[in-house]
Amino acid sequence: MTRFISSFIAALLLALALPATAAPDWTVDAARSRLAFKVTVNGQVVDGRFPGFGSVIRFDPADLASSSVKITVDTTGIKTGDATRDAMLPKPAWFNVLGFPQATFQSTRFVADGPGRFICEGKLTIKGITKDIRLPFSIDIRGKKAVVRGTGTIRRLDYRIGEGPDFATGTPVALEVKVLFDVTATRKN
């Protein structure tokens, strides 16, 4: 009888320690997803993209407390469509891809912002510098498929992107960079 009570109490404590539900895992469809940016250079908007990124996504709009996302971005393949600019971006003054080949984003919490709209708060790390950011996004879930679209803005000098006196002001490269993401994913469980 004592063994039964001990086992019952242990099982009860374990059940209380575990979360009641867990947000489902999602797999990103890389062919239908993109991570991009826009920045003004010499008065013209330049579109860029990061062709490779990995993700660990757990999301349930009804269970934001157990939702999380971690994105790892390959900064070595950054492209803007201009060969001269693309050759500069990997250098130490910009993304320093030899020292920091990846950027990461780790969510800290999600906040509802209307029907199908949320804000993901988290920590963005670029070139070893971590800052808090907020990423508003929309999500459309249909069955096991989801489409997520959102934008955010970062200040490039906060992450030492474009270091040096030639780029210390908003000329020729704007200080603010808009980050855009359009992700298609499939629920695993």
Protein backbone atom coordinates (compact mmCIF):
# COMPACT_ATOMS: atom_id res chain seq x y z
CA MET A 1 0.00 0.00 0.00
CA THR A 2 2.85 2.40 0.82
CA ARG A 3 4.45 1.65 -2.55
CA PHE A 4 1.13 2.42 -4.29
CA ILE A 5 0.77 5.75 -2.46
CA SER A 6 4.37 6.69 -3.22
CA SER A 7 3.89 5.82 -6.91
CA PHE A 8 0.60 7.74 -7.03
CA ILE A 9 2.17 10.85 -5.45
CA ALA A 10 5.18 10.64 -7.81
CA ALA A 11 2.88 10.34 -10.84
CA LEU A 12 0.74 13.24 -9.61
CA LEU A 13 3.79 15.47 -9.08
CA LEU A 14 5.09 14.59 -12.54
CA ALA A 15 1.72 15.39 -14.12
CA LEU A 16 1.61 18.75 -12.34
CA ALA A 17 5.16 19.57 -13.47
CA LEU A 18 4.43 18.87 -17.16
CA PRO A 19 2.55 21.40 -19.27
CA ALA A 20 -1.04 20.41 -19.93
CA THR A 21 -0.66 20.98 -23.67
CA ALA A 22 2.15 21.68 -26.03
CA ALA A 23 2.03 23.76 -29.16
CA PRO A 24 2.41 21.67 -32.33
CA ASP A 25 5.68 21.52 -34.26
CA TRP A 26 5.81 22.96 -37.78
CA THR A 27 8.11 22.18 -40.72
CA VAL A 28 8.95 25.06 -43.06
CA ASP A 29 8.58 24.53 -46.81
CA ALA A 30 11.88 26.13 -47.91
CA ALA A 31 10.84 26.30 -51.57
CA ARG A 32 7.74 28.38 -50.69
CA SER A 33 9.27 30.54 -47.95
CA ARG A 34 11.48 33.60 -47.97
CA LEU A 35 13.38 35.83 -45.61
CA ALA A 36 14.15 39.20 -47.17
CA PHE A 37 15.01 42.81 -46.39
CA LYS A 38 14.60 46.28 -47.86
CA VAL A 39 16.98 49.17 -47.32
CA THR A 40 17.42 52.52 -49.05
CA VAL A 41 20.82 52.95 -50.71
CA ASN A 42 21.66 56.20 -52.50
CA GLY A 43 17.97 57.15 -52.48
CA GLN A 44 16.78 53.88 -54.04
CA VAL A 45 15.14 50.92 -52.30
CA VAL A 46 17.28 47.80 -52.48
CA ASP A 47 15.71 44.36 -52.03
CA GLY A 48 17.84 41.64 -50.51
CA ARG A 49 17.31 38.08 -49.40
CA PHE A 50 18.82 35.37 -47.27
CA PRO A 51 18.53 32.17 -49.31
CA GLY A 52 19.07 29.82 -46.40
CA PHE A 53 17.52 29.64 -42.95
CA GLY A 54 16.64 26.90 -40.50
CA SER A 55 13.82 26.89 -38.01
CA VAL A 56 12.34 25.19 -34.99
CA ILE A 57 8.74 26.31 -34.74
CA ARG A 58 6.12 25.40 -32.15
CA PHE A 59 3.00 27.48 -32.49
CA ASP A 60 -0.63 27.33 -31.45
CA PRO A 61 -2.70 30.52 -31.60
CA ALA A 62 -4.80 29.15 -28.73
CA ASP A 63 -1.73 28.36 -26.60
CA LEU A 64 0.73 31.22 -26.96
CA ALA A 65 2.42 30.38 -23.65
CA SER A 66 3.82 27.12 -25.03
CA SER A 67 4.59 28.55 -28.49
CA SER A 68 8.16 29.31 -29.53
CA VAL A 69 10.31 29.86 -32.58
CA LYS A 70 14.04 29.78 -33.24
CA ILE A 71 15.38 30.87 -36.62
CA THR A 72 18.99 30.44 -37.75
CA VAL A 73 19.94 32.48 -40.81
CA ASP A 74 22.90 31.73 -43.08
CA THR A 75 24.41 35.18 -43.62
CA THR A 76 27.05 33.86 -46.04
CA GLY A 77 24.61 33.68 -48.95
CA ILE A 78 23.04 37.15 -48.70
CA LYS A 79 22.02 38.52 -52.11
CA THR A 80 20.82 41.90 -53.38
CA GLY A 81 21.10 41.41 -57.13
CA ASP A 82 24.14 43.70 -57.45
CA ALA A 83 27.52 41.94 -57.70
CA THR A 84 29.54 44.82 -56.18
CA ARG A 85 27.20 45.19 -53.20
CA ASP A 86 26.97 41.41 -52.74
CA ALA A 87 30.79 41.24 -52.61
CA MET A 88 30.86 43.91 -49.84
CA LEU A 89 28.22 42.39 -47.55
CA PRO A 90 30.31 39.41 -46.31
CA LYS A 91 33.20 41.71 -45.27
CA PRO A 92 33.93 42.59 -41.60
CA ALA A 93 32.38 46.08 -41.80
CA TRP A 94 29.06 44.57 -42.87
CA PHE A 95 28.07 41.00 -41.91
CA ASN A 96 31.58 39.66 -41.16
CA VAL A 97 30.58 36.19 -42.32
CA LEU A 98 33.99 34.67 -41.49
CA GLY A 99 33.50 35.57 -37.83
CA PHE A 100 29.70 35.34 -37.73
CA PRO A 101 28.31 33.06 -40.48
CA GLN A 102 24.88 32.96 -38.84
CA ALA A 103 22.32 35.27 -37.32
CA THR A 104 19.69 33.93 -34.92
CA PHE A 105 16.29 34.90 -33.64
CA GLN A 106 14.83 33.31 -30.49
CA SER A 107 11.29 34.16 -29.41
CA THR A 108 10.62 35.11 -25.80
CA ARG A 109 6.83 35.44 -26.03
CA PHE A 110 3.86 35.85 -28.35
CA VAL A 111 1.09 38.40 -27.93
CA ALA A 112 -2.29 38.33 -29.70
CA ASP A 113 -2.91 41.45 -31.80
CA GLY A 114 -6.34 40.81 -33.34
CA PRO A 115 -7.88 37.95 -35.32
CA GLY A 116 -5.08 36.01 -37.02
CA ARG A 117 -2.53 38.65 -35.97
CA PHE A 118 0.23 38.35 -33.40
CA ILE A 119 3.42 39.97 -32.22
CA CYS A 120 6.46 37.80 -31.65
CA GLU A 121 8.87 39.31 -29.15
CA GLY A 122 12.35 37.92 -29.06
CA LYS A 123 16.10 38.31 -29.24
CA LEU A 124 17.89 38.89 -32.54
CA THR A 125 21.62 38.19 -32.65
CA ILE A 126 23.75 39.47 -35.52
CA LYS A 127 27.57 39.66 -35.39
CA GLY A 128 27.47 38.51 -31.76
CA ILE A 129 25.23 41.41 -30.69
CA THR A 130 21.82 40.57 -29.22
CA LYS A 131 18.92 43.02 -29.11
CA ASP A 132 15.22 42.71 -28.26
CA ILE A 133 12.87 43.09 -31.22
CA ARG A 134 9.14 42.80 -31.95
CA LEU A 135 7.90 41.15 -35.14
CA PRO A 136 4.22 41.67 -36.01
CA PHE A 137 2.81 38.89 -38.21
CA SER A 138 -0.34 37.35 -39.58
CA ILE A 139 -1.03 33.63 -39.77
CA ASP A 140 -3.54 31.75 -41.87
CA ILE A 141 -3.93 28.12 -40.76
CA ARG A 142 -5.92 25.76 -42.95
CA GLY A 143 -5.83 22.16 -41.79
CA LYS A 144 -2.17 21.21 -41.44
CA LYS A 145 -0.87 24.10 -43.58
CA ALA A 146 -0.01 27.59 -42.38
CA VAL A 147 1.11 30.76 -44.13
CA VAL A 148 2.86 33.36 -41.98
CA ARG A 149 3.66 36.87 -43.19
CA GLY A 150 5.29 39.65 -41.26
CA THR A 151 7.68 42.55 -41.13
CA GLY A 152 9.93 44.21 -38.62
CA THR A 153 12.46 47.00 -38.57
CA ILE A 154 15.98 46.96 -37.22
CA ARG A 155 18.64 49.66 -36.96
CA ARG A 156 21.68 48.31 -38.76
CA LEU A 157 24.23 50.13 -36.58
CA ASP A 158 22.77 48.44 -33.48
CA TYR A 159 24.40 45.30 -34.91
CA ARG A 160 27.50 47.01 -36.34
CA ILE A 161 26.30 46.43 -39.92
CA GLY A 162 27.99 49.04 -42.09
CA GLU A 163 30.70 50.05 -39.65
CA GLY A 164 33.03 52.91 -40.41
CA PRO A 165 32.79 56.63 -41.07
CA ASP A 166 31.49 56.21 -44.64
CA PHE A 167 28.30 54.53 -43.39
CA ALA A 168 27.85 56.02 -39.89
CA THR A 169 24.92 58.20 -40.99
CA GLY A 170 21.82 57.43 -43.02
CA THR A 171 23.70 58.36 -46.21
CA PRO A 172 24.42 56.55 -48.48
CA VAL A 173 22.80 53.56 -46.68
CA ALA A 174 19.70 54.14 -44.53
CA LEU A 175 20.02 53.34 -40.82
CA GLU A 176 16.74 51.41 -40.71
CA VAL A 177 16.31 48.10 -42.48
CA LYS A 178 12.93 46.45 -42.99
CA VAL A 179 12.93 42.67 -42.51
CA LEU A 180 10.19 40.70 -44.30
CA PHE A 181 9.25 37.07 -43.93
CA ASP A 182 6.77 34.93 -45.82
CA VAL A 183 6.74 31.36 -44.55
CA THR A 184 4.70 28.33 -45.56
CA ALA A 185 4.75 25.46 -43.06
CA THR A 186 3.15 22.10 -42.38
CA ARG A 187 2.11 20.91 -38.92
CA LYS A 188 4.02 17.79 -37.85
CA ASN A 189 1.73 16.60 -35.05
